[in-house]
N, C-alpha and C. Protein backbone atom coordinates (compact mmCIF):
# COMPACT_ATOMS: atom_id res chain seq x y z
N MET A 1 -29.62 100.99 -18.08
CA MET A 1 -28.24 101.24 -17.46
C MET A 1 -27.59 99.88 -17.10
N SER A 2 -28.38 98.93 -16.68
CA SER A 2 -27.73 97.54 -16.35
C SER A 2 -27.18 96.98 -17.58
N VAL A 3 -27.79 97.14 -18.68
CA VAL A 3 -27.37 96.54 -19.96
C VAL A 3 -25.97 97.15 -20.35
N THR A 4 -25.81 98.50 -20.19
CA THR A 4 -24.48 99.15 -20.54
C THR A 4 -23.57 98.66 -19.59
N HIS A 5 -23.87 98.52 -18.24
CA HIS A 5 -22.76 98.26 -17.35
C HIS A 5 -22.44 96.60 -17.43
N THR A 6 -23.37 95.81 -17.78
CA THR A 6 -23.09 94.50 -18.10
C THR A 6 -22.19 94.36 -19.33
N SER A 7 -22.56 95.08 -20.34
CA SER A 7 -21.85 94.99 -21.67
C SER A 7 -20.30 95.54 -21.47
N PHE A 8 -20.11 96.58 -20.63
CA PHE A 8 -18.84 97.17 -20.33
C PHE A 8 -18.00 96.06 -19.63
N ARG A 9 -18.60 95.41 -18.63
CA ARG A 9 -17.84 94.39 -17.85
C ARG A 9 -17.46 93.20 -18.88
N GLY A 10 -18.25 92.82 -19.74
CA GLY A 10 -17.96 91.86 -20.72
C GLY A 10 -16.83 92.25 -21.62
N VAL A 11 -16.92 93.46 -22.12
CA VAL A 11 -15.68 94.04 -22.95
C VAL A 11 -14.44 93.98 -22.17
N VAL A 12 -14.44 94.35 -20.83
CA VAL A 12 -13.24 94.36 -20.03
C VAL A 12 -12.70 92.95 -19.84
N LEU A 13 -13.73 91.95 -19.57
CA LEU A 13 -13.24 90.54 -19.41
C LEU A 13 -12.67 90.01 -20.60
N VAL A 14 -13.34 90.22 -21.85
CA VAL A 14 -12.87 89.71 -23.07
C VAL A 14 -11.47 90.32 -23.34
N THR A 15 -11.24 91.61 -23.10
CA THR A 15 -10.00 92.31 -23.45
C THR A 15 -9.11 91.73 -22.42
N GLY A 16 -9.24 91.61 -21.23
CA GLY A 16 -8.27 91.10 -20.32
C GLY A 16 -7.78 89.65 -20.71
N LEU A 17 -8.83 88.77 -21.03
CA LEU A 17 -8.48 87.45 -21.40
C LEU A 17 -7.62 87.37 -22.70
N ALA A 18 -7.92 88.23 -23.70
CA ALA A 18 -7.25 88.43 -24.97
C ALA A 18 -5.79 88.73 -24.59
N MET A 19 -5.58 89.71 -23.74
CA MET A 19 -4.20 90.11 -23.39
C MET A 19 -3.46 88.91 -22.79
N ILE A 20 -4.11 88.15 -21.92
CA ILE A 20 -3.34 87.20 -21.17
C ILE A 20 -2.94 85.99 -22.21
N PHE A 21 -3.93 85.65 -23.07
CA PHE A 21 -3.64 84.61 -24.02
C PHE A 21 -2.76 85.12 -25.23
N SER A 22 -2.44 86.33 -25.36
CA SER A 22 -1.69 86.86 -26.39
C SER A 22 -0.20 86.81 -25.97
N LEU A 23 0.16 86.58 -24.68
CA LEU A 23 1.59 86.43 -24.17
C LEU A 23 2.20 85.25 -24.68
N PRO A 24 3.36 85.15 -25.05
CA PRO A 24 4.14 83.98 -25.40
C PRO A 24 4.10 82.93 -24.38
N ILE A 25 3.89 81.74 -24.83
CA ILE A 25 3.80 80.61 -23.80
C ILE A 25 5.26 80.43 -23.38
N GLY A 26 5.30 80.25 -22.06
CA GLY A 26 6.60 80.01 -21.43
C GLY A 26 7.31 81.40 -20.97
N ALA A 27 6.75 82.43 -21.32
CA ALA A 27 7.41 83.74 -20.99
C ALA A 27 7.53 83.80 -19.50
N ARG A 28 8.68 84.37 -19.12
CA ARG A 28 8.91 84.50 -17.67
C ARG A 28 9.84 85.74 -17.58
N ALA A 29 9.83 86.28 -16.33
CA ALA A 29 10.51 87.41 -16.16
C ALA A 29 11.96 87.12 -16.14
N GLU A 30 12.87 88.07 -16.39
CA GLU A 30 14.36 87.84 -16.52
C GLU A 30 14.73 87.52 -15.11
N GLY A 31 15.71 86.64 -14.96
CA GLY A 31 16.13 86.32 -13.72
C GLY A 31 16.52 84.75 -13.60
N THR A 32 15.84 84.14 -12.66
CA THR A 32 16.13 82.59 -12.50
C THR A 32 14.85 81.78 -12.81
N ASP A 33 15.16 80.57 -13.40
CA ASP A 33 14.03 79.72 -13.45
C ASP A 33 13.83 78.85 -12.24
N GLN A 34 12.89 77.74 -12.35
CA GLN A 34 12.53 77.10 -11.06
C GLN A 34 13.74 76.34 -10.38
N GLY A 35 14.69 75.99 -11.26
CA GLY A 35 15.96 75.26 -10.85
C GLY A 35 16.93 76.20 -10.18
N GLY A 36 16.68 77.54 -10.03
CA GLY A 36 17.71 78.55 -9.53
C GLY A 36 18.72 78.83 -10.65
N HIS A 37 18.52 78.48 -11.93
CA HIS A 37 19.39 78.76 -12.92
C HIS A 37 19.22 80.12 -13.57
N ARG A 38 20.19 80.73 -13.99
CA ARG A 38 19.93 81.92 -14.79
C ARG A 38 19.27 81.67 -16.23
N GLY A 39 18.39 82.33 -16.71
CA GLY A 39 17.67 82.08 -17.91
C GLY A 39 18.43 82.41 -19.16
N ASP A 40 19.67 82.65 -19.18
CA ASP A 40 20.40 83.06 -20.39
C ASP A 40 21.43 82.10 -20.81
N ALA A 41 22.13 82.33 -21.85
CA ALA A 41 23.04 81.39 -22.44
C ALA A 41 24.41 81.30 -21.59
N ILE A 42 24.69 82.26 -20.77
CA ILE A 42 25.69 82.26 -19.93
C ILE A 42 25.65 81.03 -18.94
N SER A 43 24.59 80.92 -18.41
CA SER A 43 24.38 79.92 -17.37
C SER A 43 24.65 78.49 -17.85
N GLN A 44 24.47 78.27 -19.14
CA GLN A 44 24.72 77.09 -19.79
C GLN A 44 26.18 76.77 -19.94
N GLU A 45 27.01 77.89 -19.99
CA GLU A 45 28.43 77.71 -20.17
C GLU A 45 29.09 77.42 -18.79
N LEU A 46 28.36 77.61 -17.59
CA LEU A 46 28.91 77.60 -16.32
C LEU A 46 29.14 76.08 -15.99
N SER A 47 30.23 75.75 -15.12
CA SER A 47 30.37 74.48 -14.49
C SER A 47 29.25 74.22 -13.43
N LEU A 48 29.28 72.97 -13.03
CA LEU A 48 28.39 72.64 -11.80
C LEU A 48 28.70 73.45 -10.57
N ALA A 49 30.03 73.43 -10.32
CA ALA A 49 30.53 74.29 -9.25
C ALA A 49 30.14 75.66 -9.28
N GLU A 50 30.35 76.29 -10.52
CA GLU A 50 30.10 77.72 -10.79
C GLU A 50 28.53 78.00 -10.49
N ARG A 51 27.66 77.01 -11.03
CA ARG A 51 26.27 77.34 -10.91
C ARG A 51 25.85 77.18 -9.40
N ALA A 52 26.53 76.28 -8.64
CA ALA A 52 26.41 76.15 -7.26
C ALA A 52 26.74 77.43 -6.41
N ALA A 53 27.78 77.99 -6.90
CA ALA A 53 28.01 79.29 -6.19
C ALA A 53 27.18 80.40 -6.30
N LEU A 54 26.45 80.36 -7.51
CA LEU A 54 25.35 81.40 -7.58
C LEU A 54 24.25 81.16 -6.67
N ARG A 55 24.06 80.01 -6.10
CA ARG A 55 23.07 79.81 -5.03
C ARG A 55 23.58 80.07 -3.66
N HIS A 56 24.61 80.81 -3.49
CA HIS A 56 25.08 81.21 -2.20
C HIS A 56 25.18 80.12 -1.14
N PRO A 57 26.11 79.20 -1.31
CA PRO A 57 26.16 78.06 -0.27
C PRO A 57 26.32 78.45 1.05
N GLN A 58 25.69 77.74 1.93
CA GLN A 58 25.55 78.12 3.44
C GLN A 58 26.12 76.86 4.16
N PRO A 59 26.67 77.07 5.31
CA PRO A 59 27.14 75.97 6.23
C PRO A 59 25.91 75.27 6.84
N VAL A 60 25.88 73.92 6.75
CA VAL A 60 24.79 73.12 7.15
C VAL A 60 25.33 71.78 7.84
N ARG A 61 24.84 71.47 8.98
CA ARG A 61 25.23 70.22 9.58
C ARG A 61 24.52 69.11 8.79
N VAL A 62 25.40 67.94 8.47
CA VAL A 62 24.94 66.89 7.80
C VAL A 62 23.61 66.31 8.56
N GLY A 63 23.60 66.15 9.75
CA GLY A 63 22.57 65.76 10.50
C GLY A 63 21.28 66.34 10.38
N ASP A 64 21.31 67.62 9.87
CA ASP A 64 20.12 68.56 9.68
C ASP A 64 19.49 68.23 8.34
N LEU A 65 20.28 67.53 7.49
CA LEU A 65 19.86 67.18 6.11
C LEU A 65 19.08 65.83 6.10
N LEU A 66 19.45 64.87 7.19
CA LEU A 66 18.94 63.59 7.09
C LEU A 66 17.43 63.59 7.06
N ASN A 67 16.94 62.65 6.25
CA ASN A 67 15.40 62.35 6.25
C ASN A 67 14.70 63.47 5.62
N ARG A 68 15.22 64.58 5.17
CA ARG A 68 14.52 65.67 4.37
C ARG A 68 14.01 65.04 3.05
N GLN A 69 12.86 65.51 2.63
CA GLN A 69 12.38 65.02 1.30
C GLN A 69 13.11 65.64 0.29
N VAL A 70 13.53 64.92 -0.82
CA VAL A 70 14.24 65.53 -1.92
C VAL A 70 13.37 65.73 -3.21
N LEU A 71 13.36 66.86 -3.51
CA LEU A 71 12.36 67.34 -4.70
C LEU A 71 13.03 67.36 -5.98
N GLU A 72 12.21 67.01 -6.99
CA GLU A 72 12.79 66.98 -8.37
C GLU A 72 13.01 68.31 -8.90
N PRO A 73 13.93 68.58 -9.92
CA PRO A 73 14.16 69.92 -10.40
C PRO A 73 13.12 70.13 -11.55
N SER A 74 11.88 70.44 -11.30
CA SER A 74 10.88 70.75 -12.27
C SER A 74 9.88 71.66 -11.61
N ILE A 75 8.90 72.35 -12.41
CA ILE A 75 8.08 73.09 -11.89
C ILE A 75 7.12 72.43 -10.78
N HIS A 76 6.83 71.25 -11.16
CA HIS A 76 5.79 70.38 -10.16
C HIS A 76 6.48 70.05 -8.83
N GLN A 77 7.89 69.96 -8.92
CA GLN A 77 8.55 69.62 -7.73
C GLN A 77 8.12 68.28 -6.87
N GLY A 78 7.99 67.28 -7.68
CA GLY A 78 7.50 66.03 -7.07
C GLY A 78 8.65 65.45 -6.16
N VAL A 79 8.15 64.61 -5.29
CA VAL A 79 9.17 64.17 -4.19
C VAL A 79 9.88 62.94 -4.94
N LEU A 80 11.20 63.01 -4.91
CA LEU A 80 12.05 61.88 -5.35
C LEU A 80 12.43 60.77 -4.35
N GLY A 81 12.54 61.28 -3.09
CA GLY A 81 12.87 60.34 -2.04
C GLY A 81 13.20 61.11 -0.70
N ARG A 82 14.06 60.56 0.08
CA ARG A 82 14.48 61.15 1.33
C ARG A 82 16.06 61.00 1.54
N VAL A 83 16.69 62.03 2.06
CA VAL A 83 18.10 62.12 2.30
C VAL A 83 18.61 61.03 3.26
N ALA A 84 19.54 60.28 2.83
CA ALA A 84 20.07 59.14 3.64
C ALA A 84 21.37 59.56 4.17
N GLY A 85 22.04 60.34 3.57
CA GLY A 85 23.34 60.92 4.05
C GLY A 85 24.14 61.56 3.00
N VAL A 86 25.28 62.04 3.46
CA VAL A 86 26.32 62.78 2.53
C VAL A 86 27.62 61.99 2.61
N SER A 87 28.18 61.82 1.55
CA SER A 87 29.41 61.02 1.50
C SER A 87 30.62 61.62 0.62
N ARG A 88 31.78 61.45 1.13
CA ARG A 88 32.90 61.89 0.46
C ARG A 88 33.44 60.80 -0.44
N GLU A 89 33.42 60.95 -1.84
CA GLU A 89 33.95 59.96 -2.77
C GLU A 89 35.48 59.84 -2.66
N ILE A 90 35.96 58.90 -3.41
CA ILE A 90 37.44 58.70 -3.51
C ILE A 90 38.16 59.95 -4.02
N ASP A 91 37.54 60.63 -5.00
CA ASP A 91 38.16 61.90 -5.60
C ASP A 91 38.11 63.13 -4.66
N GLY A 92 37.42 62.89 -3.50
CA GLY A 92 37.31 64.04 -2.61
C GLY A 92 35.88 64.91 -2.78
N SER A 93 35.13 64.68 -3.83
CA SER A 93 33.96 65.18 -4.00
C SER A 93 32.78 64.75 -3.06
N LEU A 94 31.88 65.57 -2.70
CA LEU A 94 30.71 65.33 -1.88
C LEU A 94 29.63 64.92 -2.67
N VAL A 95 28.78 63.91 -2.29
CA VAL A 95 27.47 63.50 -2.89
C VAL A 95 26.53 63.52 -1.69
N LEU A 96 25.28 63.86 -2.23
CA LEU A 96 24.01 63.65 -1.53
C LEU A 96 23.38 62.41 -1.77
N VAL A 97 23.33 61.45 -0.83
CA VAL A 97 22.81 60.18 -0.92
C VAL A 97 21.32 60.16 -0.56
N PHE A 98 20.41 59.61 -1.55
CA PHE A 98 19.01 59.57 -1.07
C PHE A 98 18.41 58.40 -1.50
N ARG A 99 17.36 57.90 -0.86
CA ARG A 99 16.48 56.77 -1.27
C ARG A 99 15.58 57.17 -2.39
N TYR A 100 15.62 56.48 -3.41
CA TYR A 100 14.94 56.87 -4.73
C TYR A 100 13.93 55.88 -5.07
N GLY A 101 12.82 56.26 -5.65
CA GLY A 101 11.88 55.31 -6.18
C GLY A 101 11.01 54.59 -5.12
N GLY A 102 10.44 53.52 -5.43
CA GLY A 102 9.59 52.71 -4.55
C GLY A 102 8.32 53.18 -4.35
N LEU A 103 7.60 52.63 -3.44
CA LEU A 103 6.22 53.10 -3.14
C LEU A 103 6.02 53.04 -1.59
N LEU A 104 5.59 54.15 -1.03
CA LEU A 104 5.45 54.34 0.29
C LEU A 104 6.67 53.96 1.22
N GLY A 105 7.88 54.08 0.67
CA GLY A 105 9.04 53.66 1.27
C GLY A 105 9.67 52.29 1.04
N PHE A 106 8.81 51.53 0.29
CA PHE A 106 9.30 50.18 0.07
C PHE A 106 9.84 50.06 -1.32
N GLY A 107 10.84 49.34 -1.52
CA GLY A 107 11.36 49.09 -2.92
C GLY A 107 12.29 50.32 -3.32
N THR A 108 12.76 51.09 -2.54
CA THR A 108 13.64 52.24 -2.73
C THR A 108 15.03 51.69 -3.01
N ARG A 109 15.88 52.51 -3.70
CA ARG A 109 17.18 52.26 -3.95
C ARG A 109 18.14 53.55 -3.54
N LEU A 110 19.29 53.41 -3.22
CA LEU A 110 20.09 54.69 -2.90
C LEU A 110 20.77 55.15 -4.30
N VAL A 111 20.68 56.43 -4.48
CA VAL A 111 21.41 57.03 -5.52
C VAL A 111 22.05 58.21 -4.91
N ALA A 112 23.05 58.68 -5.74
CA ALA A 112 23.93 59.86 -5.20
C ALA A 112 24.01 60.91 -6.41
N VAL A 113 23.85 62.17 -5.97
CA VAL A 113 24.17 63.31 -6.83
C VAL A 113 25.19 64.20 -6.23
N PRO A 114 25.95 64.86 -7.01
CA PRO A 114 26.95 65.73 -6.39
C PRO A 114 26.20 66.80 -5.62
N ILE A 115 26.85 67.17 -4.56
CA ILE A 115 26.28 68.14 -3.53
C ILE A 115 25.92 69.53 -4.31
N GLU A 116 26.87 69.73 -5.31
CA GLU A 116 26.82 71.01 -5.99
C GLU A 116 25.44 71.00 -6.93
N ALA A 117 24.88 69.94 -7.13
CA ALA A 117 23.67 69.79 -7.85
C ALA A 117 22.45 69.79 -7.04
N THR A 118 22.57 70.18 -5.71
CA THR A 118 21.40 70.33 -4.92
C THR A 118 21.47 71.59 -4.22
N ALA A 119 20.25 71.99 -3.60
CA ALA A 119 20.04 73.25 -2.81
C ALA A 119 19.04 72.92 -1.81
N LEU A 120 19.05 73.80 -0.66
CA LEU A 120 18.06 73.79 0.26
C LEU A 120 16.92 74.61 -0.23
N LEU A 121 15.64 74.09 -0.05
CA LEU A 121 14.54 74.79 -0.43
C LEU A 121 13.60 74.80 0.75
N GLY A 122 13.75 75.77 1.67
CA GLY A 122 12.90 75.55 2.84
C GLY A 122 13.31 74.41 3.76
N GLN A 123 12.28 73.48 4.02
CA GLN A 123 12.57 72.32 4.73
C GLN A 123 12.91 71.09 3.82
N PHE A 124 13.07 71.38 2.63
CA PHE A 124 13.46 70.32 1.58
C PHE A 124 14.78 70.47 0.95
N MET A 125 15.23 69.37 0.41
CA MET A 125 16.41 69.49 -0.58
C MET A 125 15.89 69.36 -1.93
N GLN A 126 16.56 70.08 -2.92
CA GLN A 126 15.91 69.97 -4.24
C GLN A 126 17.22 69.71 -5.10
N VAL A 127 17.11 68.70 -6.00
CA VAL A 127 18.07 68.50 -6.97
C VAL A 127 17.82 69.54 -8.03
N THR A 128 18.98 70.30 -8.43
CA THR A 128 18.83 71.54 -9.30
C THR A 128 19.34 71.31 -10.74
N ASP A 129 20.36 70.54 -10.73
CA ASP A 129 21.22 70.58 -12.03
C ASP A 129 21.23 69.05 -12.60
N VAL A 130 20.33 68.24 -12.36
CA VAL A 130 20.25 66.83 -12.83
C VAL A 130 18.67 66.72 -13.27
N ALA A 131 18.62 66.40 -14.43
CA ALA A 131 17.12 66.24 -15.14
C ALA A 131 16.42 64.77 -14.43
N PRO A 132 15.16 65.05 -14.29
CA PRO A 132 14.58 63.84 -13.69
C PRO A 132 14.84 62.47 -14.50
N ALA A 133 14.94 62.57 -15.84
CA ALA A 133 15.33 61.27 -16.51
C ALA A 133 16.81 60.85 -16.14
N GLN A 134 17.68 61.82 -15.94
CA GLN A 134 19.03 61.35 -15.60
C GLN A 134 19.04 60.74 -14.14
N ILE A 135 18.05 61.32 -13.19
CA ILE A 135 18.10 60.68 -11.90
C ILE A 135 17.47 59.31 -11.92
N ALA A 136 16.55 59.04 -12.80
CA ALA A 136 15.91 57.75 -12.95
C ALA A 136 17.00 56.73 -13.54
N ALA A 137 17.83 57.24 -14.34
CA ALA A 137 18.94 56.36 -14.91
C ALA A 137 20.14 56.18 -14.10
N LEU A 138 20.28 56.89 -12.88
CA LEU A 138 21.35 56.74 -12.08
C LEU A 138 21.60 55.23 -11.59
N PRO A 139 22.73 54.68 -11.53
CA PRO A 139 22.93 53.45 -10.85
C PRO A 139 22.77 53.38 -9.44
N THR A 140 22.42 52.29 -8.89
CA THR A 140 22.26 52.20 -7.48
C THR A 140 23.58 52.40 -6.76
N TRP A 141 23.60 53.36 -5.86
CA TRP A 141 24.71 53.70 -5.19
C TRP A 141 25.26 52.72 -4.00
N THR A 142 26.43 52.15 -4.08
CA THR A 142 26.91 51.10 -3.15
C THR A 142 27.71 51.72 -2.09
N GLY A 143 28.32 52.90 -2.44
CA GLY A 143 29.24 53.58 -1.32
C GLY A 143 30.71 52.87 -1.38
N ALA A 144 31.02 52.05 -2.32
CA ALA A 144 32.29 51.58 -2.38
C ALA A 144 33.35 52.61 -2.45
N GLY A 145 34.25 52.55 -1.49
CA GLY A 145 35.28 53.46 -1.53
C GLY A 145 34.91 55.05 -1.00
N ALA A 146 33.69 55.13 -0.73
CA ALA A 146 33.28 56.40 -0.08
C ALA A 146 33.28 56.39 1.30
N ALA A 147 33.39 57.58 1.92
CA ALA A 147 33.42 57.66 3.40
C ALA A 147 32.24 58.49 3.83
N PRO A 148 31.20 57.92 4.50
CA PRO A 148 30.14 58.74 4.89
C PRO A 148 30.49 59.81 6.01
N LEU A 149 29.98 61.00 5.77
CA LEU A 149 30.22 62.04 6.77
C LEU A 149 29.28 61.89 7.98
N GLY A 150 29.82 62.31 9.12
CA GLY A 150 29.25 62.21 10.42
C GLY A 150 28.08 63.28 10.53
N LYS A 151 27.14 62.97 11.42
CA LYS A 151 25.99 64.00 11.45
C LYS A 151 26.45 65.36 11.96
N ASP A 152 27.59 65.42 12.69
CA ASP A 152 28.00 66.76 13.22
C ASP A 152 28.90 67.43 12.19
N GLU A 153 29.21 66.81 11.09
CA GLU A 153 30.07 67.53 10.17
C GLU A 153 29.44 68.64 9.34
N VAL A 154 30.14 69.70 9.14
CA VAL A 154 29.45 70.78 8.39
C VAL A 154 29.80 70.88 6.89
N ILE A 155 28.91 70.99 6.00
CA ILE A 155 29.16 71.15 4.67
C ILE A 155 28.54 72.51 4.15
N ARG A 156 28.78 72.73 2.98
CA ARG A 156 28.16 74.10 2.37
C ARG A 156 27.16 73.60 1.31
N VAL A 157 26.09 74.13 1.36
CA VAL A 157 24.81 73.86 0.52
C VAL A 157 24.21 75.03 0.04
N GLY A 158 23.85 75.09 -1.14
CA GLY A 158 23.42 76.28 -1.73
C GLY A 158 21.84 76.40 -1.38
N ILE A 159 21.33 77.68 -1.49
CA ILE A 159 19.97 78.02 -1.13
C ILE A 159 19.12 78.32 -2.51
N ASN A 160 18.00 77.60 -2.53
CA ASN A 160 17.23 78.00 -3.77
C ASN A 160 15.98 78.69 -3.20
N ARG A 161 15.63 79.70 -3.93
CA ARG A 161 14.52 80.66 -3.56
C ARG A 161 13.43 80.61 -4.56
N ASN A 162 12.74 79.52 -4.77
CA ASN A 162 11.63 79.47 -5.73
C ASN A 162 10.44 80.28 -5.43
């Protein structure tokens, strides 16, 4: 009886593994990916502002964003840096400025991404619509002509629900 029971468990295990490994690699449920994007061709046609609107922007005090860790837009969600501030550019657009790179806080440089390309993810900020390679290639942000927002100013930031 124990031989039959052991053989049955082995068949179930092998069958289950076969089913798992027969699934297409990268298959995911319909809906959104890790960056909060819709997984269809329509999302590729949307502007940055339209994609940000899909993340249901919520009012947030700038001071509540300061020093939050900024996560990269990947499945691994590595830490890119910490929020240094939010500024209004000459054209009126808002950018999230954060300390990028370095080691243990030394050797960092300021970079800026459009606020529409970010989202709150719990206690973190996540860059959602800029690839990690693009972030690494960003020039050092100098703030020339930009006006930093005060800690009590309220902006709208999307919510990401990974």
